[in-house]
Each structure stands twice: as C-alpha cells, then as structure tokens.
Amino acid sequence: MLDADLVVAGRSARFRLPEASLGVFVTGGLTATLPAMAGLARARSLLLLGEAFDAQQALEWGLVYRVVNDPDREEASRHVATALAALKPEVAQAFKRVMNQIGLPAFDRAIEAENEAQRLLGTKPGPT
C-alpha cells in the first residue's frame, strides 16, 4: 500500500510491516517514504516493532487516502481509478515527479542504502 499513489482501504483492513521481525530489510524506498508520510518516530516503531494497525490509524497517519465501508471499497477504488485515468498521463507523471522530488528528496539515496543494507545482511535486494 505504501507504493500506491492513492489507497482506498476498507474499515476492516489491518496492516503490518513485519520485515524486521522476519529478519529481512525493507525495499522500495520505504525508509524514505514511510517517515515522510507518517513521521520519523512512527516510522521507526512501525518498521522495528512490526505492530499491526487498522485502517483508521492508517488514515490518521497519512498512509491511506480514504477509508470506506468494506462493501463500498471496490466502487470507491474504481471512482478514484477513473478520475486518475481521465488525467493526461504526462501531466500526472509531472505532478508525481515534482512531488516526489520535493517531498522525498532522499528517495534515491534510500533505495541505494536499502540495497547496501540488504547486501550486508546477506539478503537479495528487491526491485527498485
């Protein structure tokens, strides 16, 4: 969910980031995106402790865009997808690129550091 642009979650959704407890390191720039979205203290606790959290907490922490009743999730997701699909692709891409450059200036460094941590830990880097 943290790699998606806009996440619609059902009220019963539960999330967890168990990588540390499983002995593996995160990938995909999560060490940059999670602190940017949820704050450094919360990111540390979520990544190191791997505690589960619900959809309402994810919304309050800025990790999801909207929480809806479970039966309405598909329709709400389709509505968001339709609105995004109506945008000119080059405009949407430019917005995303600029927001990521400004809001996540360390993203590329995070990818490199995550890959290096995985190499040192003897795990295989994930896709970037």
C-alpha atoms as a PDB file:
ATOM      1  CA  MET A   1       0.000   0.000   0.000  1.00  0.00           C
ATOM      2  CA  LEU A   2       2.903   2.380   0.636  1.00  0.00           C
ATOM      3  CA  ASP A   3       3.958   2.312  -3.005  1.00  0.00           C
ATOM      4  CA  ALA A   4       0.488   3.250  -4.267  1.00  0.00           C
ATOM      5  CA  ASP A   5      -0.448   6.819  -5.105  1.00  0.00           C
ATOM      6  CA  LEU A   6      -3.912   6.735  -3.526  1.00  0.00           C
ATOM      7  CA  VAL A   7      -5.071   3.921  -1.267  1.00  0.00           C
ATOM      8  CA  VAL A   8      -8.733   3.239  -0.504  1.00  0.00           C
ATOM      9  CA  ALA A   9      -8.995   0.931   2.500  1.00  0.00           C
ATOM     10  CA  GLY A  10     -11.964  -0.970   3.843  1.00  0.00           C
ATOM     11  CA  ARG A  11     -12.762  -0.342   7.515  1.00  0.00           C
ATOM     12  CA  SER A  12     -11.763  -3.879   8.474  1.00  0.00           C
ATOM     13  CA  ALA A  13      -8.312  -3.618   6.827  1.00  0.00           C
ATOM     14  CA  ARG A  14      -5.303  -4.366   9.003  1.00  0.00           C
ATOM     15  CA  PHE A  15      -1.720  -3.543   8.096  1.00  0.00           C
ATOM     16  CA  ARG A  16       1.677  -4.623   9.367  1.00  0.00           C
ATOM     17  CA  LEU A  17       5.304  -4.153   8.372  1.00  0.00           C
ATOM     18  CA  PRO A  18       6.896  -7.361   9.703  1.00  0.00           C
ATOM     19  CA  GLU A  19      10.240  -7.256   7.881  1.00  0.00           C
ATOM     20  CA  ALA A  20      12.440  -6.658  10.963  1.00  0.00           C
ATOM     21  CA  SER A  21      10.796  -9.468  12.924  1.00  0.00           C
ATOM     22  CA  LEU A  22      11.297 -11.738   9.904  1.00  0.00           C
ATOM     23  CA  GLY A  23      14.981 -10.827   9.738  1.00  0.00           C
ATOM     24  CA  VAL A  24      14.820  -9.036   6.392  1.00  0.00           C
ATOM     25  CA  PHE A  25      15.285  -5.432   5.345  1.00  0.00           C
ATOM     26  CA  VAL A  26      12.662  -3.314   3.594  1.00  0.00           C
ATOM     27  CA  THR A  27      12.828  -2.369  -0.081  1.00  0.00           C
ATOM     28  CA  GLY A  28      11.307   0.102  -2.490  1.00  0.00           C
ATOM     29  CA  GLY A  29      12.437   3.250  -0.712  1.00  0.00           C
ATOM     30  CA  LEU A  30      10.258   2.576   2.312  1.00  0.00           C
ATOM     31  CA  THR A  31      12.904   4.107   4.600  1.00  0.00           C
ATOM     32  CA  ALA A  32      12.231   7.430   2.832  1.00  0.00           C
ATOM     33  CA  THR A  33       8.516   7.215   2.079  1.00  0.00           C
ATOM     34  CA  LEU A  34       7.277   5.999   5.465  1.00  0.00           C
ATOM     35  CA  PRO A  35       8.940   8.742   7.559  1.00  0.00           C
ATOM     36  CA  ALA A  36       7.786  11.341   5.032  1.00  0.00           C
ATOM     37  CA  MET A  37       4.209  10.099   5.254  1.00  0.00           C
ATOM     38  CA  ALA A  38       3.877   9.161   8.921  1.00  0.00           C
ATOM     39  CA  GLY A  39       6.738  10.919  10.725  1.00  0.00           C
ATOM     40  CA  LEU A  40      10.091   9.552  11.841  1.00  0.00           C
ATOM     41  CA  ALA A  41       9.045   8.300  15.301  1.00  0.00           C
ATOM     42  CA  ARG A  42       6.031   6.428  13.961  1.00  0.00           C
ATOM     43  CA  ALA A  43       8.053   5.033  11.032  1.00  0.00           C
ATOM     44  CA  ARG A  44      10.642   3.705  13.465  1.00  0.00           C
ATOM     45  CA  SER A  45       8.015   1.985  15.579  1.00  0.00           C
ATOM     46  CA  LEU A  46       6.175   0.540  12.582  1.00  0.00           C
ATOM     47  CA  LEU A  47       9.345  -0.788  10.966  1.00  0.00           C
ATOM     48  CA  LEU A  48      11.155  -2.028  14.072  1.00  0.00           C
ATOM     49  CA  LEU A  49       8.228  -3.374  16.100  1.00  0.00           C
ATOM     50  CA  GLY A  50       6.036  -4.504  13.218  1.00  0.00           C
ATOM     51  CA  GLU A  51       2.872  -3.884  15.203  1.00  0.00           C
ATOM     52  CA  ALA A  52      -0.432  -4.199  13.360  1.00  0.00           C
ATOM     53  CA  PHE A  53      -2.557  -1.114  12.763  1.00  0.00           C
ATOM     54  CA  ASP A  54      -6.015  -0.620  11.380  1.00  0.00           C
ATOM     55  CA  ALA A  55      -7.420   1.396   8.505  1.00  0.00           C
ATOM     56  CA  GLN A  56      -8.471   4.337  10.688  1.00  0.00           C
ATOM     57  CA  GLN A  57      -4.959   4.621  12.129  1.00  0.00           C
ATOM     58  CA  ALA A  58      -3.518   4.419   8.617  1.00  0.00           C
ATOM     59  CA  LEU A  59      -5.798   7.277   7.572  1.00  0.00           C
ATOM     60  CA  GLU A  60      -4.857   9.401  10.583  1.00  0.00           C
ATOM     61  CA  TRP A  61      -1.177   8.739   9.944  1.00  0.00           C
ATOM     62  CA  GLY A  62      -1.420   9.733   6.276  1.00  0.00           C
ATOM     63  CA  LEU A  63      -0.820   6.236   4.904  1.00  0.00           C
ATOM     64  CA  VAL A  64      -4.145   5.850   3.098  1.00  0.00           C
ATOM     65  CA  TYR A  65      -6.269   8.315   1.146  1.00  0.00           C
ATOM     66  CA  ARG A  66      -9.717   7.191   2.258  1.00  0.00           C
ATOM     67  CA  VAL A  67     -11.415   4.620   4.482  1.00  0.00           C
ATOM     68  CA  VAL A  68     -14.808   3.301   3.390  1.00  0.00           C
ATOM     69  CA  ASN A  69     -17.200   0.597   4.500  1.00  0.00           C
ATOM     70  CA  ASP A  70     -15.924  -2.753   3.266  1.00  0.00           C
ATOM     71  CA  PRO A  71     -18.746  -3.344   0.739  1.00  0.00           C
ATOM     72  CA  ASP A  72     -18.051   0.101  -0.796  1.00  0.00           C
ATOM     73  CA  ARG A  73     -14.292  -0.369  -1.245  1.00  0.00           C
ATOM     74  CA  GLU A  74     -14.378  -1.628  -4.819  1.00  0.00           C
ATOM     75  CA  GLU A  75     -16.710   1.137  -6.012  1.00  0.00           C
ATOM     76  CA  ALA A  76     -14.692   3.834  -4.212  1.00  0.00           C
ATOM     77  CA  SER A  77     -11.463   2.445  -5.667  1.00  0.00           C
ATOM     78  CA  ARG A  78     -12.987   2.380  -9.150  1.00  0.00           C
ATOM     79  CA  HIS A  79     -14.072   6.015  -8.747  1.00  0.00           C
ATOM     80  CA  VAL A  80     -10.504   7.055  -7.842  1.00  0.00           C
ATOM     81  CA  ALA A  81      -9.044   4.983 -10.696  1.00  0.00           C
ATOM     82  CA  THR A  82     -11.478   6.521 -13.180  1.00  0.00           C
ATOM     83  CA  ALA A  83     -10.575  10.035 -12.050  1.00  0.00           C
ATOM     84  CA  LEU A  84      -6.858   9.270 -12.352  1.00  0.00           C
ATOM     85  CA  ALA A  85      -7.304   7.636 -15.756  1.00  0.00           C
ATOM     86  CA  ALA A  86      -9.035  10.794 -17.023  1.00  0.00           C
ATOM     87  CA  LEU A  87      -5.881  12.839 -16.416  1.00  0.00           C
ATOM     88  CA  LYS A  88      -3.380  13.453 -19.199  1.00  0.00           C
ATOM     89  CA  PRO A  89      -0.628  10.925 -18.425  1.00  0.00           C
ATOM     90  CA  GLU A  90       2.192  13.417 -18.934  1.00  0.00           C
ATOM     91  CA  VAL A  91       0.547  15.872 -16.514  1.00  0.00           C
ATOM     92  CA  ALA A  92       0.005  13.205 -13.840  1.00  0.00           C
ATOM     93  CA  GLN A  93       3.585  11.983 -14.281  1.00  0.00           C
ATOM     94  CA  ALA A  94       4.949  15.519 -13.972  1.00  0.00           C
ATOM     95  CA  PHE A  95       2.960  16.137 -10.775  1.00  0.00           C
ATOM     96  CA  LYS A  96       4.176  12.866  -9.263  1.00  0.00           C
ATOM     97  CA  ARG A  97       7.778  13.514 -10.285  1.00  0.00           C
ATOM     98  CA  VAL A  98       7.828  17.026  -8.810  1.00  0.00           C
ATOM     99  CA  MET A  99       6.033  15.989  -5.603  1.00  0.00           C
ATOM    100  CA  ASN A 100       8.491  13.139  -5.115  1.00  0.00           C
ATOM    101  CA  GLN A 101      11.497  15.386  -5.807  1.00  0.00           C
ATOM    102  CA  ILE A 102      10.293  17.984  -3.324  1.00  0.00           C
ATOM    103  CA  GLY A 103       8.619  15.745  -0.743  1.00  0.00           C
ATOM    104  CA  LEU A 104      11.059  12.832  -0.918  1.00  0.00           C
ATOM    105  CA  PRO A 105      14.470  14.350  -1.744  1.00  0.00           C
ATOM    106  CA  ALA A 106      16.274  11.356  -0.217  1.00  0.00           C
ATOM    107  CA  PHE A 107      14.294   8.664  -2.073  1.00  0.00           C
ATOM    108  CA  ASP A 108      17.114   7.650  -4.450  1.00  0.00           C
ATOM    109  CA  ARG A 109      19.597   7.599  -1.558  1.00  0.00           C
ATOM    110  CA  ALA A 110      17.161   5.450   0.436  1.00  0.00           C
ATOM    111  CA  ILE A 111      16.989   2.891  -2.382  1.00  0.00           C
ATOM    112  CA  GLU A 112      20.792   2.726  -2.510  1.00  0.00           C
ATOM    113  CA  ALA A 113      21.095   2.487   1.285  1.00  0.00           C
ATOM    114  CA  GLU A 114      18.403  -0.221   1.479  1.00  0.00           C
ATOM    115  CA  ASN A 115      20.191  -2.257  -1.189  1.00  0.00           C
ATOM    116  CA  GLU A 116      23.501  -1.834   0.659  1.00  0.00           C
ATOM    117  CA  ALA A 117      21.890  -2.911   3.954  1.00  0.00           C
ATOM    118  CA  GLN A 118      20.455  -5.987   2.253  1.00  0.00           C
ATOM    119  CA  ARG A 119      23.854  -6.799   0.770  1.00  0.00           C
ATOM    120  CA  LEU A 120      25.497  -6.509   4.195  1.00  0.00           C
ATOM    121  CA  LEU A 121      22.773  -8.631   5.763  1.00  0.00           C
ATOM    122  CA  GLY A 122      23.123 -11.237   3.030  1.00  0.00           C
ATOM    123  CA  THR A 123      19.663 -10.748   1.564  1.00  0.00           C
ATOM    124  CA  LYS A 124      18.846 -10.078  -2.050  1.00  0.00           C
ATOM    125  CA  PRO A 125      17.797  -6.508  -2.976  1.00  0.00           C
ATOM    126  CA  GLY A 126      14.242  -6.197  -4.236  1.00  0.00           C
ATOM    127  CA  PRO A 127      13.117  -4.399  -7.385  1.00  0.00           C
ATOM    128  CA  THR A 128      13.665  -0.642  -7.470  1.00  0.00           C
END
